[in-house]
Amino acid sequence: MNQIIMWIMAVGAVLGGVDRIAGNRFGFGKRFEEGFTLLGPTALSMSGIICLTPLLSRFLRFALVPIWNFFGLDAGLLAGILAIDMGGYQLAGELSASQEMVRYAGLVIAATLGCTITFTIPVGMGMLKSGDRLFFSRGMLIGTGTLPVTMASAENRLGIRRPVSRFVLPICTTINMNGCAAFILLTVVYLMQNAGADITFGTIAAWVLISTIAAVGNAGVPMGCFFLSASLLASMNVPILLMGVILPFYAVIDAVETTLNVWSDSCVAAMVNKDLYGEESESSAEAN
């Protein structure tokens, strides 16, 4: 699949370069030039963060780590502001003495919050016009905007203890994307069947696993599942023209996905709460 992606990128670059030389007759040349102009800001933001990681580690160690230790907090959580591939895991290892916290902060938090702070926001803002940045910011908040409401509902209506809701629900927003996985599975099977592919039980079982894993790595932005499904289909040379039929209704589908994600996250939190606290939590929920 990597070779297919590289070939697609190479063909696109050649077409863009030829069209740029020919005077941008088809519009490919303009996009080709925009891509080259973005190489500098993108590389600068990524390499800058990597170079600043040692200095940031020293600053956190002397400025914030004593404060966090005073309040009984693990300083390894501070490493979550860096992406996992930009030094987040290494920074967590330097700030925390607990291997469990190093794995949690360096893998889970750095792969979500860190990637958003050090890559998605600077690169996305650099690619967009000033008038589109507000919509980009709002779109990033849509996926996480339901989290405080979910926590409040879980604690007040379901009787879930605060330590459980504050720990389980943020993790589930990343690794328990059932709505996104269902959309990927249904879309891929539907388009593969339209393309004439044989859909067997083994095929469906394989795509259940693939869609679940792909949903975990899905970007928390609007239409993330839509473009992820399109990329998976394109990697198998399946025509994606019918994705245009889904596009006008995807706003409604996205709302259904979010509802399913929130419901499933609450179910996981309720099960964890029951395993930890038993019948006591059920009686408090009935009282509420």
Protein backbone atom coordinates (compact mmCIF):
# COMPACT_ATOMS: atom_id res chain seq x y z
CA MET A 1 0.00 0.00 0.00
CA ASN A 2 2.92 2.34 0.67
CA GLN A 3 4.11 1.92 -2.90
CA ILE A 4 0.64 2.77 -4.23
CA ILE A 5 0.55 5.96 -2.15
CA MET A 6 4.05 6.92 -3.30
CA TRP A 7 3.11 6.35 -6.94
CA ILE A 8 -0.02 8.47 -6.56
CA MET A 9 2.04 11.27 -5.01
CA ALA A 10 4.67 10.99 -7.74
CA VAL A 11 2.11 11.10 -10.56
CA GLY A 12 0.40 14.08 -8.93
CA ALA A 13 3.72 15.93 -8.58
CA VAL A 14 4.59 15.30 -12.24
CA LEU A 15 1.18 16.47 -13.46
CA GLY A 16 1.37 19.56 -11.27
CA GLY A 17 4.86 20.43 -12.45
CA VAL A 18 3.99 19.99 -16.13
CA ASP A 19 0.84 22.10 -15.74
CA ARG A 20 2.84 24.79 -13.92
CA ILE A 21 5.30 24.97 -16.80
CA ALA A 22 2.41 25.09 -19.29
CA GLY A 23 0.93 28.14 -17.54
CA ASN A 24 -1.48 26.52 -15.07
CA ARG A 25 -4.02 25.61 -17.72
CA PHE A 26 -5.84 22.97 -15.64
CA GLY A 27 -5.29 24.42 -12.17
CA PHE A 28 -2.85 21.69 -11.12
CA GLY A 29 0.11 24.03 -11.31
CA LYS A 30 -1.28 26.37 -8.67
CA ARG A 31 -1.74 23.50 -6.21
CA PHE A 32 1.71 22.24 -7.11
CA GLU A 33 3.21 25.61 -6.21
CA GLU A 34 1.17 25.84 -3.00
CA GLY A 35 2.49 22.45 -1.94
CA PHE A 36 6.09 23.59 -2.34
CA THR A 37 5.46 26.80 -0.43
CA LEU A 38 4.09 24.75 2.49
CA LEU A 39 7.20 22.57 2.73
CA GLY A 40 9.13 25.31 4.51
CA PRO A 41 6.59 26.15 7.26
CA THR A 42 5.79 22.47 7.81
CA ALA A 43 9.42 21.40 8.14
CA LEU A 44 10.21 24.46 10.27
CA SER A 45 7.40 23.78 12.74
CA MET A 46 8.24 20.08 13.09
CA SER A 47 12.02 20.46 13.31
CA GLY A 48 11.64 23.46 15.62
CA ILE A 49 9.62 21.46 18.11
CA ILE A 50 12.14 18.61 18.00
CA CYS A 51 15.03 21.02 18.59
CA LEU A 52 13.22 22.71 21.48
CA THR A 53 12.48 19.43 23.27
CA PRO A 54 15.70 19.45 25.42
CA LEU A 55 15.14 23.09 26.42
CA LEU A 56 11.49 22.39 27.15
CA SER A 57 12.50 19.46 29.32
CA ARG A 58 14.81 21.69 31.38
CA PHE A 59 12.19 24.40 31.69
CA LEU A 60 9.53 21.96 32.87
CA ARG A 61 11.93 20.28 35.28
CA PHE A 62 12.86 23.54 37.05
CA ALA A 63 9.65 25.56 36.66
CA LEU A 64 6.64 23.23 36.74
CA VAL A 65 7.79 19.86 38.09
CA PRO A 66 8.22 21.14 41.69
CA ILE A 67 4.71 22.62 41.57
CA TRP A 68 3.21 19.39 40.28
CA ASN A 69 5.08 17.37 42.91
CA PHE A 70 3.81 19.72 45.61
CA PHE A 71 0.22 18.93 44.64
CA GLY A 72 0.95 15.21 44.38
CA LEU A 73 0.73 15.05 40.59
CA ASP A 74 2.98 13.03 38.30
CA ALA A 75 5.09 15.36 36.19
CA GLY A 76 5.10 12.89 33.33
CA LEU A 77 1.69 14.23 32.30
CA LEU A 78 3.41 17.43 31.17
CA ALA A 79 5.04 15.49 28.34
CA GLY A 80 1.64 15.15 26.69
CA ILE A 81 2.04 18.58 25.10
CA LEU A 82 4.50 17.07 22.60
CA ALA A 83 3.62 14.60 19.86
CA ILE A 84 4.75 11.04 20.34
CA ASP A 85 7.14 11.25 17.37
CA MET A 86 8.43 14.70 18.39
CA GLY A 87 9.89 13.72 21.73
CA GLY A 88 6.74 13.22 23.82
CA TYR A 89 7.61 9.68 24.90
CA GLN A 90 11.23 10.56 25.66
CA LEU A 91 10.16 13.62 27.65
CA ALA A 92 7.73 11.54 29.69
CA GLY A 93 10.58 9.17 30.54
CA GLU A 94 12.69 12.08 31.79
CA LEU A 95 9.96 13.68 33.91
CA SER A 96 8.32 10.60 35.44
CA ALA A 97 9.78 7.80 37.53
CA SER A 98 6.77 5.55 36.98
CA GLN A 99 6.87 3.33 33.91
CA GLU A 100 3.07 3.16 33.88
CA MET A 101 2.83 6.95 33.68
CA VAL A 102 5.57 7.04 31.03
CA ARG A 103 3.50 4.72 28.85
CA TYR A 104 0.25 6.56 29.50
CA ALA A 105 1.59 10.09 29.00
CA GLY A 106 4.15 9.23 26.34
CA LEU A 107 1.83 7.06 24.25
CA VAL A 108 -1.83 7.95 24.90
CA ILE A 109 -1.69 11.66 25.74
CA ALA A 110 1.20 12.44 23.40
CA ALA A 111 -0.58 10.66 20.54
CA THR A 112 -3.74 12.77 21.03
CA LEU A 113 -3.14 16.10 22.75
CA GLY A 114 0.51 16.28 21.70
CA CYS A 115 -0.20 15.70 18.02
CA THR A 116 -2.92 18.34 18.13
CA ILE A 117 -0.72 20.98 19.76
CA THR A 118 2.52 20.39 17.88
CA PHE A 119 1.27 19.30 14.45
CA THR A 120 -2.43 19.69 13.67
CA ILE A 121 -2.80 23.27 14.90
CA PRO A 122 0.43 24.83 13.54
CA VAL A 123 0.38 22.95 10.23
CA GLY A 124 -3.37 23.38 9.73
CA MET A 125 -3.28 27.08 10.55
CA GLY A 126 -0.37 27.55 8.18
CA MET A 127 -2.20 25.87 5.31
CA LEU A 128 -5.44 27.83 5.63
CA LYS A 129 -6.38 31.37 4.79
CA SER A 130 -7.07 33.73 7.68
CA GLY A 131 -10.80 33.63 7.01
CA ASP A 132 -10.94 29.82 7.25
CA ARG A 133 -9.02 29.47 10.50
CA LEU A 134 -12.07 30.12 12.65
CA PHE A 135 -13.96 27.25 10.99
CA PHE A 136 -10.91 25.02 11.40
CA SER A 137 -10.76 25.80 15.12
CA ARG A 138 -14.45 25.15 15.60
CA GLY A 139 -14.19 21.90 13.70
CA MET A 140 -11.41 20.65 15.96
CA LEU A 141 -13.55 21.34 19.02
CA ILE A 142 -16.60 19.44 17.75
CA GLY A 143 -15.22 16.03 18.60
CA THR A 144 -14.12 16.97 22.13
CA GLY A 145 -16.92 19.44 22.85
CA THR A 146 -19.19 16.68 24.09
CA LEU A 147 -16.65 15.41 26.64
CA PRO A 148 -17.51 17.80 29.53
CA VAL A 149 -21.23 17.17 29.01
CA THR A 150 -20.62 13.42 28.92
CA MET A 151 -18.62 13.58 32.16
CA ALA A 152 -21.31 15.61 33.92
CA SER A 153 -24.08 13.28 32.76
CA ALA A 154 -22.11 10.18 33.71
CA GLU A 155 -21.41 11.49 37.21
CA ASN A 156 -24.82 13.04 37.95
CA ARG A 157 -27.21 10.65 36.17
CA LEU A 158 -25.35 7.34 36.09
CA GLY A 159 -23.69 7.67 39.48
CA ILE A 160 -20.21 7.06 38.07
CA ARG A 161 -17.42 8.08 40.42
CA ARG A 162 -15.43 11.12 39.36
CA PRO A 163 -12.01 9.34 39.20
CA VAL A 164 -13.50 6.76 36.86
CA SER A 165 -15.25 9.23 34.54
CA ARG A 166 -12.27 11.59 34.39
CA PHE A 167 -9.93 8.74 33.47
CA VAL A 168 -12.02 6.41 31.31
CA LEU A 169 -14.00 8.88 29.18
CA PRO A 170 -10.99 10.87 27.81
CA ILE A 171 -9.29 7.60 26.82
CA CYS A 172 -12.48 6.29 25.20
CA THR A 173 -12.74 9.41 23.03
CA THR A 174 -9.57 8.16 21.30
CA ILE A 175 -9.69 4.36 21.34
CA ASN A 176 -13.44 3.65 21.50
CA MET A 177 -14.65 5.19 18.23
CA ASN A 178 -17.47 2.73 17.57
CA GLY A 179 -19.47 5.13 15.40
CA CYS A 180 -16.49 5.80 13.15
CA ALA A 181 -15.67 2.09 12.91
CA ALA A 182 -19.27 1.30 11.93
CA PHE A 183 -19.23 3.97 9.21
CA ILE A 184 -15.94 2.68 7.78
CA LEU A 185 -17.19 -0.91 7.76
CA LEU A 186 -20.55 -0.15 6.13
CA THR A 187 -19.09 2.26 3.58
CA VAL A 188 -16.26 -0.05 2.51
CA VAL A 189 -18.51 -3.11 2.19
CA TYR A 190 -21.14 -1.10 0.28
CA LEU A 191 -18.67 0.34 -2.25
CA MET A 192 -16.79 -2.93 -2.65
CA GLN A 193 -20.05 -4.69 -3.45
CA ASN A 194 -20.94 -2.00 -5.97
CA ALA A 195 -17.53 -2.50 -7.58
CA GLY A 196 -18.30 -6.19 -8.09
CA ALA A 197 -16.10 -7.62 -5.34
CA ASP A 198 -17.13 -10.87 -3.66
CA ILE A 199 -18.16 -10.20 -0.06
CA THR A 200 -17.63 -13.31 2.04
CA PHE A 201 -17.77 -13.88 5.78
CA GLY A 202 -13.99 -13.77 5.90
CA THR A 203 -13.98 -10.42 4.11
CA ILE A 204 -16.45 -8.92 6.57
CA ALA A 205 -14.54 -10.33 9.55
CA ALA A 206 -11.29 -8.87 8.23
CA TRP A 207 -12.88 -5.46 7.68
CA VAL A 208 -14.41 -5.47 11.16
CA LEU A 209 -10.86 -5.70 12.50
CA ILE A 210 -9.45 -3.16 10.01
CA SER A 211 -12.21 -0.61 10.63
CA THR A 212 -11.81 -0.91 14.40
CA ILE A 213 -8.06 -0.32 14.22
CA ALA A 214 -8.45 2.49 11.67
CA ALA A 215 -11.04 4.25 13.84
CA VAL A 216 -8.56 4.39 16.72
CA GLY A 217 -6.12 6.35 14.56
CA ASN A 218 -8.78 8.55 13.00
CA ALA A 219 -8.26 12.29 13.28
CA GLY A 220 -10.74 14.03 15.57
CA VAL A 221 -11.88 16.53 12.95
CA PRO A 222 -15.09 16.83 10.93
CA MET A 223 -15.35 14.30 8.10
CA GLY A 224 -12.32 12.41 9.38
CA CYS A 225 -14.06 9.04 8.90
CA PHE A 226 -15.22 10.05 5.44
CA PHE A 227 -11.73 10.75 4.12
CA LEU A 228 -10.28 7.78 5.99
CA SER A 229 -12.77 5.47 4.28
CA ALA A 230 -11.97 7.04 0.92
CA SER A 231 -8.24 6.50 1.43
CA LEU A 232 -8.76 2.84 2.38
CA LEU A 233 -10.88 2.25 -0.72
CA ALA A 234 -8.42 4.05 -2.97
CA SER A 235 -5.59 1.87 -1.64
CA MET A 236 -7.51 -1.18 -2.95
CA ASN A 237 -8.25 0.45 -6.32
CA VAL A 238 -11.99 0.53 -5.54
CA PRO A 239 -13.82 3.42 -7.28
CA ILE A 240 -14.86 6.06 -4.76
CA LEU A 241 -17.22 8.06 -6.97
CA LEU A 242 -20.20 6.84 -4.94
CA MET A 243 -18.73 8.59 -1.90
CA GLY A 244 -20.20 11.71 -3.46
CA VAL A 245 -23.66 10.26 -2.85
CA ILE A 246 -22.91 10.02 0.88
CA LEU A 247 -21.33 13.47 1.10
CA PRO A 248 -24.55 15.59 1.14
CA PHE A 249 -25.91 13.54 4.06
CA TYR A 250 -22.68 13.14 5.98
CA ALA A 251 -23.51 15.93 8.45
CA VAL A 252 -26.41 13.82 9.72
CA ILE A 253 -24.31 10.64 9.67
CA ASP A 254 -21.55 12.41 11.61
CA ALA A 255 -24.06 13.38 14.31
CA VAL A 256 -25.18 9.76 14.57
CA GLU A 257 -21.53 8.66 14.84
CA THR A 258 -20.91 11.11 17.68
CA THR A 259 -24.03 9.90 19.50
CA LEU A 260 -22.92 6.28 19.20
CA ASN A 261 -19.40 7.16 20.35
CA VAL A 262 -20.67 9.02 23.43
CA TRP A 263 -23.12 6.23 24.31
CA SER A 264 -20.49 3.52 24.02
CA ASP A 265 -17.99 5.59 26.06
CA SER A 266 -20.59 5.94 28.82
CA CYS A 267 -21.20 2.17 28.76
CA VAL A 268 -17.49 1.48 29.20
CA ALA A 269 -17.28 3.96 32.07
CA ALA A 270 -20.32 2.38 33.75
CA MET A 271 -18.83 -1.12 33.47
CA VAL A 272 -15.49 0.01 34.90
CA ASN A 273 -17.27 1.83 37.71
CA LYS A 274 -19.31 -1.28 38.56
CA ASP A 275 -16.21 -3.50 38.60
CA LEU A 276 -14.45 -1.10 40.97
CA TYR A 277 -17.28 -0.03 43.28
CA GLY A 278 -19.99 -2.65 42.80
CA GLU A 279 -23.56 -2.22 44.04
CA GLU A 280 -22.79 1.01 45.87
CA SER A 281 -22.62 2.96 42.62
CA GLU A 282 -25.93 1.49 41.45
CA SER A 283 -27.73 2.67 44.58
CA SER A 284 -26.34 6.19 44.17
CA ALA A 285 -27.48 6.26 40.54
CA GLU A 286 -31.01 5.24 41.57
CA ALA A 287 -31.02 8.00 44.17
CA ASN A 288 -30.17 10.56 41.48
